[in-house]
Protein backbone atom coordinates (compact mmCIF):
# COMPACT_ATOMS: atom_id res chain seq x y z
CA MET A 1 17.85 9.93 -11.24
CA LYS A 2 14.21 11.13 -11.86
CA LEU A 3 10.96 9.61 -11.48
CA TYR A 4 7.37 10.96 -12.28
CA LEU A 5 4.49 10.24 -9.35
CA LEU A 6 0.77 9.92 -10.41
CA ASP A 7 -1.44 10.76 -8.19
CA ALA A 8 0.51 11.92 -5.83
CA GLU A 9 -1.97 13.09 -3.10
CA HIS A 10 -2.37 8.73 -2.05
CA CYS A 11 -0.44 8.20 1.39
CA LEU A 12 2.73 6.55 -0.98
CA GLY A 13 2.84 9.47 -2.76
CA HIS A 14 2.89 11.83 0.66
CA ALA A 15 6.24 9.49 1.75
CA LEU A 16 7.49 9.22 -1.64
CA SER A 17 7.48 13.31 -1.22
CA ARG A 18 8.96 12.98 2.11
CA LEU A 19 11.85 10.97 1.69
CA CYS A 20 12.66 12.11 -1.98
CA GLN A 21 13.03 15.66 -0.47
CA SER A 22 15.98 14.19 2.35
CA ARG A 23 18.15 13.02 -0.36
CA GLY A 24 19.85 14.27 -3.07
CA ASP A 25 20.45 11.78 -5.40
CA VAL A 26 16.58 11.37 -6.38
CA GLU A 27 14.11 13.94 -8.36
CA LEU A 28 10.74 13.17 -7.66
CA ILE A 29 8.38 14.95 -10.21
CA THR A 30 4.96 14.74 -9.24
CA SER A 31 0.84 15.17 -10.69
CA GLU A 32 -2.41 14.89 -8.56
CA ASP A 33 -3.77 12.98 -11.54
CA THR A 34 -4.43 9.41 -12.13
CA SER A 35 -2.97 9.72 -15.73
CA THR A 36 -1.14 11.51 -17.92
CA ASP A 37 0.13 11.83 -22.38
CA ALA A 38 2.53 10.41 -24.16
CA ALA A 39 3.94 14.78 -24.72
CA THR A 40 4.30 14.73 -21.30
CA LEU A 41 6.56 11.29 -21.25
CA GLU A 42 8.47 12.84 -24.15
CA ARG A 43 8.79 15.75 -22.46
CA LEU A 44 9.96 14.71 -19.12
CA ARG A 45 11.82 12.02 -20.18
CA PRO A 46 11.72 10.20 -17.03
CA ASP A 47 13.28 6.91 -15.49
CA ALA A 48 10.85 5.77 -14.70
CA VAL A 49 6.83 6.65 -13.88
CA LEU A 50 5.08 5.24 -10.50
CA LEU A 51 1.28 4.82 -10.14
CA PRO A 52 0.12 4.20 -6.51
CA PRO A 53 -2.13 0.89 -5.54
CA LEU A 54 -5.58 1.66 -5.57
CA GLY A 55 -6.68 0.93 -2.07
CA ARG A 56 -8.75 -2.27 -0.25
CA PRO A 57 -9.98 -2.81 -3.94
CA ALA A 58 -12.36 -5.61 -2.91
CA ASP A 59 -14.29 -3.75 -0.81
CA ILE A 60 -14.83 -0.41 -2.63
CA ASP A 61 -17.17 0.47 -5.95
CA PRO A 62 -16.27 -2.00 -8.98
CA GLY A 63 -16.75 1.46 -11.28
CA LEU A 64 -13.66 2.74 -9.78
CA VAL A 65 -11.10 -0.61 -9.74
CA PHE A 66 -12.34 -0.77 -13.72
CA GLU A 67 -11.10 2.83 -13.85
CA HIS A 68 -8.32 2.01 -12.08
CA SER A 69 -7.63 -0.52 -14.55
CA GLU A 70 -8.37 1.42 -17.61
CA ALA A 71 -5.72 4.11 -16.82
CA VAL A 72 -3.23 1.88 -15.76
CA GLU A 73 -3.76 0.42 -19.49
CA ARG A 74 -3.59 3.90 -21.31
CA LEU A 75 -0.51 4.20 -18.88
CA LEU A 76 0.86 1.41 -20.63
CA GLU A 77 0.42 2.32 -23.58
CA HIS A 78 2.34 5.35 -22.66
CA CYS A 79 5.02 4.46 -21.41
CA LEU A 80 5.26 1.57 -24.41
CA SER A 81 5.61 5.16 -26.96
CA VAL A 82 8.08 6.62 -25.57
CA GLY A 83 9.92 3.51 -23.77
CA VAL A 84 9.15 4.08 -20.11
CA PRO A 85 9.25 1.75 -17.13
CA LEU A 86 6.34 1.84 -15.08
CA VAL A 87 5.72 1.19 -11.33
CA TRP A 88 2.39 -0.08 -11.17
CA CYS A 89 2.17 -0.85 -6.77
CA VAL A 90 -1.15 -3.35 -6.38
CA SER A 91 -3.44 -4.47 -2.83
CA ASP A 92 -2.40 -7.89 -1.83
CA GLN A 93 -6.09 -8.16 -2.40
CA ILE A 94 -5.61 -9.49 -5.46
CA PHE A 95 -5.73 -12.32 -4.28
CA GLU A 96 -8.89 -13.01 -3.06
CA GLN A 97 -9.35 -16.41 -1.78
CA GLY A 98 -5.65 -16.00 0.30
CA SER A 99 -3.59 -19.48 0.64
CA ALA A 100 -2.68 -21.92 2.70
CA GLN A 101 1.06 -20.89 2.08
CA PRO A 102 3.58 -17.76 1.65
CA ILE A 103 2.07 -17.15 -1.74
CA GLU A 104 5.48 -16.54 -3.99
CA GLU A 105 5.67 -14.21 -6.50
CA THR A 106 5.70 -16.26 -9.56
CA ALA A 107 2.06 -16.31 -8.59
CA ILE A 108 -1.05 -15.82 -11.07
CA PRO A 109 -4.53 -14.29 -9.05
CA ALA A 110 -7.14 -15.77 -10.29
CA PRO A 111 -10.07 -13.74 -8.45
CA TYR A 112 -14.00 -14.38 -8.96
CA ASP A 113 -14.59 -10.69 -8.82
CA GLU A 114 -14.54 -9.41 -11.81
CA GLY A 115 -13.43 -6.12 -10.90
CA LEU A 116 -9.99 -7.78 -9.09
CA LYS A 117 -10.36 -10.32 -12.50
CA ARG A 118 -9.80 -7.14 -14.47
CA MET A 119 -6.91 -5.65 -12.23
CA VAL A 120 -5.49 -9.37 -12.83
CA SER A 121 -5.62 -8.47 -17.05
CA VAL A 122 -3.70 -5.18 -16.82
CA GLY A 123 -1.41 -6.81 -14.80
CA ASN A 124 -0.79 -9.88 -17.21
CA LEU A 125 -0.53 -7.11 -20.25
CA ILE A 126 2.07 -5.20 -18.65
CA ARG A 127 3.85 -8.56 -18.18
CA ALA A 128 3.40 -9.16 -22.19
CA ARG A 129 4.49 -5.75 -23.74
CA LEU A 130 6.64 -3.95 -21.31
CA PRO A 131 9.65 -5.59 -20.26
CA GLU A 132 10.82 -3.04 -18.06
CA HIS A 133 8.62 -2.53 -15.37
CA PHE A 134 8.18 -3.65 -11.44
CA ILE A 135 4.43 -5.03 -10.67
CA LEU A 136 5.21 -4.72 -6.86
CA ARG A 137 2.00 -6.12 -4.57
CA ILE A 138 2.47 -5.23 -1.24
CA GLY A 139 0.23 -5.76 1.91
CA PRO A 140 -2.29 -3.68 3.48
CA LEU A 141 -0.94 -0.42 3.84
CA PHE A 142 -0.46 2.24 6.28
CA GLY A 143 0.09 5.74 7.18
CA LEU A 144 -0.17 8.69 8.20
CA SER A 145 -0.87 11.35 5.35
CA GLY A 146 -2.79 10.46 2.45
CA ARG A 147 -5.38 8.90 0.20
CA ASP A 148 -5.73 5.03 1.72
CA ALA A 149 -3.63 6.20 5.09
CA TRP A 150 -5.22 3.55 6.74
CA LEU A 151 -3.31 3.99 10.24
CA GLU A 152 -4.49 7.98 9.76
CA GLU A 153 -7.95 6.65 9.60
CA MET A 154 -7.73 4.12 12.56
CA LEU A 155 -6.49 6.78 14.73
CA VAL A 156 -9.25 9.41 13.66
CA ALA A 157 -12.14 7.07 15.12
CA LEU A 158 -10.86 5.38 17.94
CA GLU A 159 -9.98 9.68 19.23
CA GLN A 160 -13.57 10.10 18.56
CA GLY A 161 -14.62 6.97 20.41
CA GLU A 162 -15.69 5.22 18.04
CA THR A 163 -16.38 1.00 17.83
CA LEU A 164 -13.99 -0.74 15.38
CA ARG A 165 -15.13 -4.30 13.94
CA ALA A 166 -12.30 -6.07 12.58
CA ALA A 167 -12.02 -9.41 11.20
CA GLU A 168 -11.13 -11.60 13.29
CA ASP A 169 -10.26 -14.69 11.18
CA SER A 170 -7.98 -13.30 8.45
CA LEU A 171 -4.55 -13.12 8.44
CA ILE A 172 -2.02 -10.19 7.24
CA CYS A 173 0.74 -8.30 6.90
CA PRO A 174 0.17 -4.74 7.38
CA THR A 175 3.29 -2.63 5.16
CA SER A 176 4.08 0.61 6.41
CA VAL A 177 3.70 3.21 3.65
CA GLU A 178 6.70 4.75 4.74
CA ALA A 179 8.74 1.15 4.50
CA LEU A 180 7.57 0.80 1.05
CA ALA A 181 8.45 4.23 -0.48
CA MET A 182 12.53 2.95 0.65
CA ALA A 183 12.18 0.12 -1.37
CA LEU A 184 10.74 1.37 -4.11
CA ILE A 185 13.86 3.81 -4.28
CA GLY A 186 16.05 1.51 -3.87
CA MET A 187 14.96 -0.86 -6.08
CA LEU A 188 14.29 1.73 -8.80
CA GLN A 189 18.31 3.13 -7.96
CA GLN A 190 20.47 -0.59 -8.20
CA GLN A 191 17.89 -0.58 -11.48
CA TYR A 192 19.12 3.01 -12.64
CA HIS A 193 23.25 1.70 -11.66
CA GLY A 194 23.02 -0.89 -13.99
CA ALA A 195 20.72 -4.27 -12.31
CA HIS A 196 18.00 -5.50 -14.82
CA ALA A 197 15.79 -7.23 -12.38
CA TRP A 198 12.74 -5.95 -13.96
CA GLY A 199 9.52 -8.03 -13.41
CA ALA A 200 6.74 -8.76 -10.16
CA TYR A 201 7.81 -8.42 -6.28
CA HIS A 202 6.20 -9.03 -3.23
CA LEU A 203 6.92 -6.24 0.00
CA ALA A 204 4.40 -7.08 2.93
CA GLY A 205 5.74 -6.23 7.18
CA VAL A 206 6.63 -8.47 9.28
CA GLU A 207 4.30 -11.11 11.02
CA SER A 208 0.80 -12.41 9.91
CA VAL A 209 -1.67 -10.49 11.66
CA SER A 210 -5.90 -11.00 11.76
CA PRO A 211 -7.01 -7.63 11.43
CA PHE A 212 -8.53 -7.59 14.55
CA THR A 213 -4.91 -7.64 16.15
CA PHE A 214 -3.84 -4.91 14.52
CA LEU A 215 -6.03 -2.11 15.09
CA SER A 216 -5.22 -3.61 18.81
CA VAL A 217 -2.64 -2.35 19.02
CA VAL A 218 -3.14 0.05 17.44
CA ARG A 219 -5.07 0.94 19.86
CA HIS A 220 -3.30 -0.20 22.88
CA GLN A 221 -0.13 2.21 21.64
CA LEU A 222 -2.44 5.17 20.52
CA GLU A 223 -3.88 4.89 24.45
CA THR A 224 -0.03 4.60 25.69
CA ARG A 225 0.25 7.78 24.08
CA LEU A 226 -2.23 9.44 25.03
CA ARG A 227 -1.33 8.80 28.55
CA GLY A 228 2.10 10.04 27.76
CA LEU A 229 1.23 13.05 26.86
CA SER A 230 -1.38 13.17 29.71
CA VAL A 231 -4.39 14.04 27.05
CA ASP A 232 -8.15 13.52 28.51
CA ILE A 233 -8.77 11.24 25.28
CA GLU A 234 -10.35 7.37 25.80
CA PRO A 235 -10.10 6.40 22.35
CA GLY A 236 -12.92 4.14 21.23
CA GLN A 237 -12.98 0.71 21.50
CA VAL A 238 -12.32 -2.50 18.52
CA ALA A 239 -14.76 -5.48 17.80
CA PRO A 240 -14.16 -8.80 16.63
CA LEU A 241 -15.83 -9.81 13.36
CA HIS A 242 -15.68 -13.45 11.99
CA HIS A 243 -16.12 -14.26 8.05
CA HIS A 244 -14.68 -17.43 7.53
CA HIS A 245 -16.62 -19.76 9.64
CA ASP A 246 -14.30 -22.89 7.93
CA GLU A 247 -10.23 -21.49 8.53
CA PRO A 248 -9.35 -18.43 9.04
CA LEU A 249 -8.66 -16.04 5.32
CA LYS A 250 -4.73 -16.26 4.70
CA ARG A 251 -3.16 -13.77 2.62
CA ILE A 252 0.71 -14.07 3.53
CA LEU A 253 2.96 -12.70 1.01
CA ASN A 254 6.16 -14.23 0.17
CA CYS A 255 9.02 -11.22 0.10
CA ARG A 256 12.36 -13.82 -0.20
CA ARG A 257 12.57 -12.32 -3.94
CA MET A 258 12.42 -8.50 -3.00
CA LEU A 259 15.34 -10.00 -0.50
CA GLU A 260 17.68 -11.63 -2.51
CA THR A 261 17.67 -9.55 -5.36
CA PHE A 262 17.57 -5.79 -3.72
CA GLY A 263 18.74 -7.05 -0.48
CA ILE A 264 15.54 -4.94 0.88
CA HIS A 265 14.48 -6.19 4.10
CA GLN A 266 10.92 -6.76 5.72
CA LYS A 267 10.15 -4.15 8.19
CA PRO A 268 8.16 -4.77 11.41
CA TRP A 269 4.76 -3.12 10.99
CA ARG A 270 4.99 -2.65 15.43
CA VAL A 271 7.87 -0.50 15.59
CA GLU A 272 6.58 0.91 12.58
CA ILE A 273 2.90 2.29 14.37
CA ASP A 274 5.43 3.25 17.38
CA ARG A 275 7.21 5.42 14.72
CA MET A 276 4.61 6.95 13.74
CA LEU A 277 2.72 7.62 16.28
CA LEU A 278 6.03 9.35 18.49
CA SER A 279 6.18 11.35 15.10
CA ALA A 280 2.86 12.54 15.27
CA GLY A 281 2.77 14.66 17.98
CA ALA A 282 -0.46 15.16 20.10
CA PRO A 283 -3.97 13.64 18.95
CA SER A 284 -6.41 17.06 19.77
CA ILE A 285 -9.62 15.36 18.00
CA THR A 286 -12.31 14.55 20.22
CA GLY A 287 -15.99 13.91 19.72
CA ALA A 288 -18.63 12.49 21.95
CA GLU A 289 -20.68 10.14 19.34
CA ARG A 290 -19.55 7.07 19.28
CA PRO A 291 -21.01 5.11 16.12
CA CYS A 292 -19.88 1.16 15.03
CA HIS A 293 -18.02 1.35 11.32
CA GLU A 294 -16.76 -1.15 10.13
CA VAL A 295 -12.51 -1.23 8.47
CA ALA A 296 -11.63 -3.45 5.38
CA ALA A 297 -8.45 -5.02 5.32
């Protein structure tokens, strides 16, 4: 199976590259660009084109969200002209208002934010025009390398003694980028071998948690790891924020269709964090100043 990965410096690109290096049944062609053209697709003839998600679209410059959406639209046109399936990963922030119940794959997001609305319109366009597609909505990604590697950002800040602030009154399902990479390869391998299950799916980590609690767990595991390695660093602190005073904002993705269709289970984020920290080696970053940062999720 031949896959063409755009935006290879994204944390998902790093995870996919590591995974495919250990396999003999996947040829991964990578590009650091977020776009391509029909001539390149015609020359490469991949079994699918993959585009990683835009990190935290609700919290960044709206211009970047519109730019990303336009790039996806152009990619759609090229895929249509050559006949190549498109795989687009999308942040769960597309569900801006959240939901009291777990969000089903059949749900169509209805955000107020103009940038998020633009992303929804692109998803609708893909569904209407390109039958062979995966739109994979995912919980907040965390990893150790590459752009948008949330866990790496947290560890660097904590190792420097910074205070991180995160919402205590929202619920999310953090998602390991390694788990996402394995899920994507598994889905595409099944399609390559005759499955006919294109469409929209959800993937998120097991157990909903507030960003504040998630960061607190990361800090605790980092502190335990530092002590075990006899590294004399005192991690920074984690402080709570309160944005939703009436009731918590819940953004929990129902991943049942992923399990029933492809047999792919959700991964427990606590175990994934521990595994990543064990593989990271001894931290070596220190810092004297202790500024305060808010961590979006």
